[in-house]
Amino acid sequence: MFRLLVKLALAALIANAVWRVGSVYASFYKFTDAVQETTQYGAEKNETELRARIVELGAEYDLPITDDNFSLRRVGEHTITDGSFTRPIEIVPTYRYPWPFTWHTDTFALKGGLSPVR
């Protein structure tokens, strides 16, 4: 009986860790897709507006994105973003692990048409 309880407790800890890490990764991937869409359809926006929108997207996805932890540059028709941040994730109760995330997007800016960028 004791072995069964230990196995169940261990399974619960693993499931909890997978859920917490998976949730943050899901937010991160949604954020990265939104950044790519923003830069792709933001040809009429200047760099300051795009940077503000990326910080706003970070807040929407509950990620610690600030103006200091990413770069944005335009090379011809391409918009390139590179960024990184660290998000503490509670792997097991009361233990937070600082998990690093990095992203890179290189999009070809589309002009005209419908733009989902706010």
C-alpha atoms as a PDB file:
ATOM      1  CA  MET A   1       0.000   0.000   0.000  1.00  0.00           C
ATOM      2  CA  PHE A   2       2.852   2.392   0.867  1.00  0.00           C
ATOM      3  CA  ARG A   3       4.509   1.737  -2.513  1.00  0.00           C
ATOM      4  CA  LEU A   4       1.295   2.595  -4.294  1.00  0.00           C
ATOM      5  CA  LEU A   5       1.032   5.919  -2.436  1.00  0.00           C
ATOM      6  CA  VAL A   6       4.639   6.784  -3.262  1.00  0.00           C
ATOM      7  CA  LYS A   7       4.059   5.960  -6.946  1.00  0.00           C
ATOM      8  CA  LEU A   8       0.885   8.054  -7.019  1.00  0.00           C
ATOM      9  CA  ALA A   9       2.639  10.981  -5.347  1.00  0.00           C
ATOM     10  CA  LEU A  10       5.518  10.757  -7.816  1.00  0.00           C
ATOM     11  CA  ALA A  11       3.097  10.580 -10.757  1.00  0.00           C
ATOM     12  CA  ALA A  12       1.262  13.638  -9.404  1.00  0.00           C
ATOM     13  CA  LEU A  13       4.532  15.589  -9.114  1.00  0.00           C
ATOM     14  CA  ILE A  14       5.529  14.675 -12.672  1.00  0.00           C
ATOM     15  CA  ALA A  15       2.078  15.542 -14.049  1.00  0.00           C
ATOM     16  CA  ASN A  16       2.184  18.881 -12.208  1.00  0.00           C
ATOM     17  CA  ALA A  17       5.624  19.728 -13.623  1.00  0.00           C
ATOM     18  CA  VAL A  18       4.601  18.763 -17.165  1.00  0.00           C
ATOM     19  CA  TRP A  19       1.445  20.872 -16.895  1.00  0.00           C
ATOM     20  CA  ARG A  20       3.289  23.944 -15.621  1.00  0.00           C
ATOM     21  CA  VAL A  21       6.120  23.756 -18.153  1.00  0.00           C
ATOM     22  CA  GLY A  22       3.722  22.895 -20.973  1.00  0.00           C
ATOM     23  CA  SER A  23       1.463  25.844 -20.146  1.00  0.00           C
ATOM     24  CA  VAL A  24       4.333  28.300 -20.309  1.00  0.00           C
ATOM     25  CA  TYR A  25       5.625  26.791 -23.561  1.00  0.00           C
ATOM     26  CA  ALA A  26       2.136  27.034 -25.079  1.00  0.00           C
ATOM     27  CA  SER A  27       2.012  30.737 -24.183  1.00  0.00           C
ATOM     28  CA  PHE A  28       5.527  31.209 -25.561  1.00  0.00           C
ATOM     29  CA  TYR A  29       4.674  29.586 -28.909  1.00  0.00           C
ATOM     30  CA  LYS A  30       1.461  31.613 -29.218  1.00  0.00           C
ATOM     31  CA  PHE A  31       3.477  34.751 -28.452  1.00  0.00           C
ATOM     32  CA  THR A  32       6.098  33.874 -31.083  1.00  0.00           C
ATOM     33  CA  ASP A  33       3.377  33.299 -33.694  1.00  0.00           C
ATOM     34  CA  ALA A  34       1.753  36.623 -32.792  1.00  0.00           C
ATOM     35  CA  VAL A  35       5.111  38.418 -33.111  1.00  0.00           C
ATOM     36  CA  GLN A  36       5.641  36.860 -36.523  1.00  0.00           C
ATOM     37  CA  GLU A  37       2.156  37.888 -37.642  1.00  0.00           C
ATOM     38  CA  THR A  38       2.638  41.401 -36.265  1.00  0.00           C
ATOM     39  CA  THR A  39       5.894  41.920 -38.121  1.00  0.00           C
ATOM     40  CA  GLN A  40       4.593  40.322 -41.309  1.00  0.00           C
ATOM     41  CA  TYR A  41       1.532  42.570 -41.526  1.00  0.00           C
ATOM     42  CA  GLY A  42       3.126  45.641 -39.942  1.00  0.00           C
ATOM     43  CA  ALA A  43       4.888  47.072 -42.988  1.00  0.00           C
ATOM     44  CA  GLU A  44       3.173  50.441 -42.515  1.00  0.00           C
ATOM     45  CA  LYS A  45       4.149  50.622 -38.834  1.00  0.00           C
ATOM     46  CA  ASN A  46       7.400  52.163 -37.701  1.00  0.00           C
ATOM     47  CA  GLU A  47       9.837  50.340 -35.419  1.00  0.00           C
ATOM     48  CA  THR A  48       8.612  52.122 -32.282  1.00  0.00           C
ATOM     49  CA  GLU A  49       5.034  51.014 -32.922  1.00  0.00           C
ATOM     50  CA  LEU A  50       6.124  47.432 -33.605  1.00  0.00           C
ATOM     51  CA  ARG A  51       8.233  47.344 -30.440  1.00  0.00           C
ATOM     52  CA  ALA A  52       5.305  48.633 -28.384  1.00  0.00           C
ATOM     53  CA  ARG A  53       3.035  45.976 -29.898  1.00  0.00           C
ATOM     54  CA  ILE A  54       5.521  43.197 -29.097  1.00  0.00           C
ATOM     55  CA  VAL A  55       5.716  44.323 -25.457  1.00  0.00           C
ATOM     56  CA  GLU A  56       1.909  44.413 -25.427  1.00  0.00           C
ATOM     57  CA  LEU A  57       1.788  40.862 -26.802  1.00  0.00           C
ATOM     58  CA  GLY A  58       4.126  39.731 -24.039  1.00  0.00           C
ATOM     59  CA  ALA A  59       1.709  41.111 -21.467  1.00  0.00           C
ATOM     60  CA  GLU A  60      -1.232  39.413 -23.217  1.00  0.00           C
ATOM     61  CA  TYR A  61       0.505  36.042 -22.998  1.00  0.00           C
ATOM     62  CA  ASP A  62       1.768  36.666 -19.444  1.00  0.00           C
ATOM     63  CA  LEU A  63       5.429  36.662 -20.454  1.00  0.00           C
ATOM     64  CA  PRO A  64       8.079  39.018 -19.036  1.00  0.00           C
ATOM     65  CA  ILE A  65       8.789  40.891 -22.273  1.00  0.00           C
ATOM     66  CA  THR A  66      10.307  44.341 -21.948  1.00  0.00           C
ATOM     67  CA  ASP A  67      11.708  46.724 -24.501  1.00  0.00           C
ATOM     68  CA  ASP A  68      15.220  45.809 -23.307  1.00  0.00           C
ATOM     69  CA  ASN A  69      15.138  42.045 -23.859  1.00  0.00           C
ATOM     70  CA  PHE A  70      14.586  41.938 -27.623  1.00  0.00           C
ATOM     71  CA  SER A  71      15.868  43.562 -30.773  1.00  0.00           C
ATOM     72  CA  LEU A  72      13.943  44.545 -33.863  1.00  0.00           C
ATOM     73  CA  ARG A  73      15.476  45.619 -37.146  1.00  0.00           C
ATOM     74  CA  ARG A  74      14.430  45.997 -40.719  1.00  0.00           C
ATOM     75  CA  VAL A  75      16.582  44.880 -43.604  1.00  0.00           C
ATOM     76  CA  GLY A  76      14.911  45.771 -46.871  1.00  0.00           C
ATOM     77  CA  GLU A  77      11.478  44.141 -46.834  1.00  0.00           C
ATOM     78  CA  HIS A  78      12.399  41.829 -43.932  1.00  0.00           C
ATOM     79  CA  THR A  79      11.644  42.483 -40.292  1.00  0.00           C
ATOM     80  CA  ILE A  80      13.868  40.540 -37.911  1.00  0.00           C
ATOM     81  CA  THR A  81      13.289  40.100 -34.180  1.00  0.00           C
ATOM     82  CA  ASP A  82      15.520  38.352 -31.689  1.00  0.00           C
ATOM     83  CA  GLY A  83      14.764  38.112 -28.021  1.00  0.00           C
ATOM     84  CA  SER A  84      15.191  36.204 -24.831  1.00  0.00           C
ATOM     85  CA  PHE A  85      13.813  36.172 -21.338  1.00  0.00           C
ATOM     86  CA  THR A  86      13.781  33.979 -18.268  1.00  0.00           C
ATOM     87  CA  ARG A  87      10.542  32.883 -16.671  1.00  0.00           C
ATOM     88  CA  PRO A  88      10.538  31.195 -13.264  1.00  0.00           C
ATOM     89  CA  ILE A  89       8.408  28.033 -13.388  1.00  0.00           C
ATOM     90  CA  GLU A  90       7.304  26.211 -10.261  1.00  0.00           C
ATOM     91  CA  ILE A  91       8.394  22.680 -11.196  1.00  0.00           C
ATOM     92  CA  VAL A  92       7.460  21.190  -7.836  1.00  0.00           C
ATOM     93  CA  PRO A  93       5.585  23.008  -5.102  1.00  0.00           C
ATOM     94  CA  THR A  94       7.755  25.730  -3.515  1.00  0.00           C
ATOM     95  CA  TYR A  95      10.632  25.267  -6.026  1.00  0.00           C
ATOM     96  CA  ARG A  96      10.875  27.745  -8.894  1.00  0.00           C
ATOM     97  CA  TYR A  97      13.319  27.057 -11.703  1.00  0.00           C
ATOM     98  CA  PRO A  98      14.410  29.990 -13.919  1.00  0.00           C
ATOM     99  CA  TRP A  99      13.583  28.663 -17.396  1.00  0.00           C
ATOM    100  CA  PRO A 100      15.250  30.483 -20.334  1.00  0.00           C
ATOM    101  CA  PHE A 101      13.378  31.194 -23.575  1.00  0.00           C
ATOM    102  CA  THR A 102      14.720  32.650 -26.833  1.00  0.00           C
ATOM    103  CA  TRP A 103      13.021  33.517 -30.094  1.00  0.00           C
ATOM    104  CA  HIS A 104      13.955  34.609 -33.586  1.00  0.00           C
ATOM    105  CA  THR A 105      11.627  35.698 -36.371  1.00  0.00           C
ATOM    106  CA  ASP A 106      12.509  36.803 -39.878  1.00  0.00           C
ATOM    107  CA  THR A 107       9.432  37.838 -41.798  1.00  0.00           C
ATOM    108  CA  PHE A 108       8.826  39.351 -45.185  1.00  0.00           C
ATOM    109  CA  ALA A 109       6.636  42.412 -44.665  1.00  0.00           C
ATOM    110  CA  LEU A 110       3.415  42.391 -46.675  1.00  0.00           C
ATOM    111  CA  LYS A 111       2.048  45.747 -47.747  1.00  0.00           C
ATOM    112  CA  GLY A 112      -1.625  46.485 -48.316  1.00  0.00           C
ATOM    113  CA  GLY A 113      -4.515  44.120 -47.753  1.00  0.00           C
ATOM    114  CA  LEU A 114      -6.166  43.389 -44.458  1.00  0.00           C
ATOM    115  CA  SER A 115      -3.929  43.797 -41.460  1.00  0.00           C
ATOM    116  CA  PRO A 116      -4.584  42.039 -38.141  1.00  0.00           C
ATOM    117  CA  VAL A 117      -2.082  44.371 -36.415  1.00  0.00           C
ATOM    118  CA  ARG A 118      -3.740  46.732 -33.960  1.00  0.00           C
END
